[in-house]
Protein backbone atom coordinates (compact mmCIF):
# COMPACT_ATOMS: atom_id res chain seq x y z
CA MET A 1 -70.75 -38.13 191.39
CA LYS A 2 -67.68 -36.80 191.32
CA PHE A 3 -67.85 -37.52 187.32
CA LYS A 4 -71.08 -35.94 186.97
CA ILE A 5 -70.39 -33.34 188.81
CA LEU A 6 -67.04 -32.11 187.05
CA TYR A 7 -68.78 -33.25 183.96
CA LYS A 8 -71.46 -30.68 184.35
CA ILE A 9 -68.78 -28.26 185.66
CA LEU A 10 -66.98 -28.73 182.56
CA ILE A 11 -69.65 -28.45 179.99
CA ILE A 12 -71.09 -24.89 181.85
CA THR A 13 -67.86 -23.42 181.12
CA MET A 14 -67.56 -24.43 177.93
CA ILE A 15 -70.84 -22.75 177.63
CA PHE A 16 -69.69 -19.89 179.47
CA GLY A 17 -66.51 -19.57 176.87
CA VAL A 18 -68.70 -19.43 173.74
CA PHE A 19 -70.90 -17.03 174.91
CA LEU A 20 -67.40 -14.92 175.53
CA ILE A 21 -66.23 -15.25 172.58
CA TYR A 22 -69.53 -14.61 171.17
CA LEU A 23 -69.82 -11.41 173.00
CA SER A 24 -66.19 -10.24 172.76
CA SER A 25 -66.40 -10.46 168.37
CA TYR A 26 -69.62 -8.86 168.71
CA ILE A 27 -68.32 -5.59 171.11
CA GLY A 28 -64.66 -5.74 169.90
CA TRP A 29 -65.19 -6.13 166.13
CA TYR A 30 -69.65 -5.75 165.85
CA GLY A 31 -69.37 -2.78 168.50
CA TYR A 32 -67.53 -1.05 166.73
CA GLU A 33 -68.68 -1.31 163.24
CA LYS A 34 -64.98 -1.28 161.29
CA TRP A 35 -66.67 -1.58 158.13
CA LYS A 36 -68.16 1.34 157.72
CA TYR A 37 -65.10 3.73 158.13
CA ARG A 38 -62.27 4.04 154.88
CA ARG A 39 -59.11 2.54 155.43
CA SER A 40 -55.48 2.82 154.27
CA THR A 41 -52.26 1.35 154.17
CA ARG A 42 -50.80 3.83 156.22
CA GLY A 43 -47.57 3.49 154.17
CA ASP A 44 -47.30 -0.39 153.69
CA ILE A 45 -47.08 -1.03 149.94
CA GLU A 46 -46.91 -4.09 150.25
CA GLN A 47 -50.32 -4.21 152.58
CA SER A 48 -51.38 -1.92 149.59
CA LYS A 49 -50.61 -4.35 146.16
CA MET A 50 -51.53 -7.51 149.13
CA ARG A 51 -55.19 -5.52 148.60
CA LYS A 52 -54.97 -4.76 145.25
CA VAL A 53 -55.57 -1.19 146.50
CA PHE A 54 -52.43 0.73 144.67
CA VAL A 55 -52.25 2.33 141.74
CA LYS A 56 -48.45 4.17 141.56
CA GLN A 57 -45.96 5.39 142.40
CA VAL A 58 -45.84 9.43 142.75
CA PRO A 59 -42.49 11.71 142.08
CA PHE A 60 -41.39 14.05 144.36
CA ILE A 61 -38.03 16.16 145.66
CA VAL A 62 -36.79 17.00 149.05
CA VAL A 63 -35.83 20.56 149.03
CA PRO A 64 -33.54 21.27 149.97
CA ASP A 65 -31.65 18.17 147.92
CA THR A 66 -29.18 17.62 150.95
CA ILE A 67 -31.52 16.07 152.90
CA LYS A 68 -31.56 12.17 152.12
CA THR A 69 -34.22 9.97 152.17
CA GLU A 70 -35.46 6.33 151.42
CA GLY A 71 -39.28 7.72 151.38
CA MET A 72 -41.59 7.19 148.97
CA PHE A 73 -45.29 8.58 148.69
CA TYR A 74 -48.07 6.57 146.34
CA ILE A 75 -52.22 6.84 145.30
CA GLU A 76 -53.94 3.83 145.94
CA LYS A 77 -57.35 3.91 146.18
CA GLY A 78 -59.19 4.03 149.42
CA TYR A 79 -61.04 1.17 150.36
CA THR A 80 -63.17 0.08 153.99
CA TYR A 81 -62.94 -4.03 155.20
CA GLY A 82 -65.28 -6.29 154.23
CA LYS A 83 -68.44 -6.79 156.60
CA HIS A 84 -67.49 -9.80 158.33
CA SER A 85 -63.02 -9.56 158.25
CA MET A 86 -60.06 -7.33 158.40
CA GLU A 87 -58.83 -9.08 155.90
CA ASP A 88 -61.69 -8.23 153.10
CA THR A 89 -61.37 -5.12 151.10
CA ARG A 90 -64.41 -3.45 149.63
CA VAL A 91 -62.13 -0.69 147.23
CA LEU A 92 -64.54 2.83 147.41
CA THR A 93 -66.26 3.62 143.77
CA MET A 94 -67.27 7.49 142.73
CA GLU A 95 -70.50 6.10 144.41
CA ASP A 96 -69.49 5.43 147.85
CA THR A 97 -67.84 8.95 148.35
CA LYS A 98 -66.48 11.56 146.34
CA TYR A 99 -62.55 10.97 146.90
CA PRO A 100 -62.55 7.48 145.39
CA PHE A 101 -58.05 7.39 146.03
CA GLN A 102 -55.56 8.55 148.52
CA LEU A 103 -51.75 9.86 148.63
CA MET A 104 -50.36 7.84 151.23
CA TYR A 105 -45.87 8.12 152.43
CA LYS A 106 -43.59 5.90 154.14
CA GLY A 107 -40.27 6.58 155.66
CA PHE A 108 -41.27 10.50 156.40
CA ASN A 109 -41.97 12.75 159.59
CA ILE A 110 -43.27 15.20 157.71
CA ILE A 111 -46.66 17.37 157.93
CA TYR A 112 -49.15 18.43 155.37
CA LEU A 113 -50.33 21.91 156.13
CA LYS A 114 -53.18 23.74 154.08
CA LYS A 115 -51.06 27.46 154.17
CA ASP A 116 -48.90 25.61 152.16
CA ASN A 117 -51.43 24.09 149.49
CA PRO A 118 -54.46 26.67 148.85
CA ASN A 119 -54.91 25.84 145.58
CA MET A 120 -55.54 22.41 147.11
CA LYS A 121 -59.75 20.92 145.89
CA ASP A 122 -59.59 17.91 147.49
CA SER A 123 -59.59 16.66 151.13
CA ILE A 124 -57.67 16.48 154.31
CA HIS A 125 -58.38 13.01 156.05
CA ARG A 126 -55.42 13.48 159.30
CA ASP A 127 -52.40 12.39 157.45
CA GLU A 128 -54.29 11.69 154.89
CA ILE A 129 -54.74 13.64 151.85
CA TRP A 130 -58.49 11.84 150.40
CA LEU A 131 -58.33 12.13 145.77
CA LYS A 132 -60.93 13.05 143.34
CA SER A 133 -58.87 10.85 140.86
CA PRO A 134 -55.63 8.80 140.26
CA ILE A 135 -54.05 12.67 139.76
CA ILE A 136 -52.10 15.06 141.02
CA ARG A 137 -53.72 17.71 139.44
CA ASP A 138 -51.01 20.54 141.48
CA THR A 139 -48.10 19.72 142.99
CA ILE A 140 -48.71 19.06 146.77
CA TYR A 141 -45.62 20.87 149.53
CA TYR A 142 -45.75 18.54 152.96
CA ARG A 143 -43.27 20.66 155.72
CA LEU A 144 -40.54 18.02 157.23
CA LEU A 145 -40.07 17.83 160.26
CA LYS A 146 -37.01 16.56 162.64
CA SER A 147 -37.87 15.92 166.08
CA LYS A 148 -35.76 17.70 168.69
CA GLY A 149 -38.17 15.14 171.90
CA THR A 150 -40.24 12.03 172.23
CA ASN A 151 -42.96 14.48 170.82
CA VAL A 152 -43.54 14.60 167.33
CA VAL A 153 -47.00 16.26 167.31
CA ASP A 154 -46.07 19.69 169.42
CA PRO A 155 -44.09 22.75 167.76
CA GLN A 156 -41.92 22.75 170.65
CA PHE A 157 -40.48 19.45 170.04
CA THR A 158 -40.25 19.93 166.13
CA ASP A 159 -38.36 21.79 163.66
CA THR A 160 -38.91 22.25 159.98
CA ILE A 161 -36.10 21.41 158.15
CA GLY A 162 -37.29 21.36 154.78
CA MET A 163 -40.36 20.54 152.00
CA ILE A 164 -41.07 18.14 149.43
CA LYS A 165 -42.91 18.25 147.10
CA VAL A 166 -44.72 15.61 145.90
CA PHE A 167 -46.45 16.02 142.30
CA ASP A 168 -47.40 13.99 139.27
CA LYS A 169 -45.98 13.55 135.96
């Protein structure tokens, strides 16, 4: 008799567990519809190469040249996740967006300001620049920041210590 009750409790618990896993997946992945939004590798060049969206590394100059840095800039194809997995990559084309490429960076605390780039015709989204082609036609200027505290977003806690000029050969 005890075994029948334990068996029923175990079956109900397993069914409830499977239901919770399904519900979590549905709310977490399908609820947010993560496959619909543009993604980037956020400076992880290895991930960019693994996803096969890496296009090329882009030269840059730091002004003043006394500032030494290990950073880098590169262009990658824009992409979204696959419908059922973050590991799947769906590369964006001109049919999906007007800007199928994006300029990424690694190793800098920088800010992009439109007033430093008045002739920039491409699109800016947060800290990414979306490009129509994998060629940078004009020099792009970033301000190199040095943090004075923990809040690097607030201008009162950062100083501009230089400029970075990103260009194509």
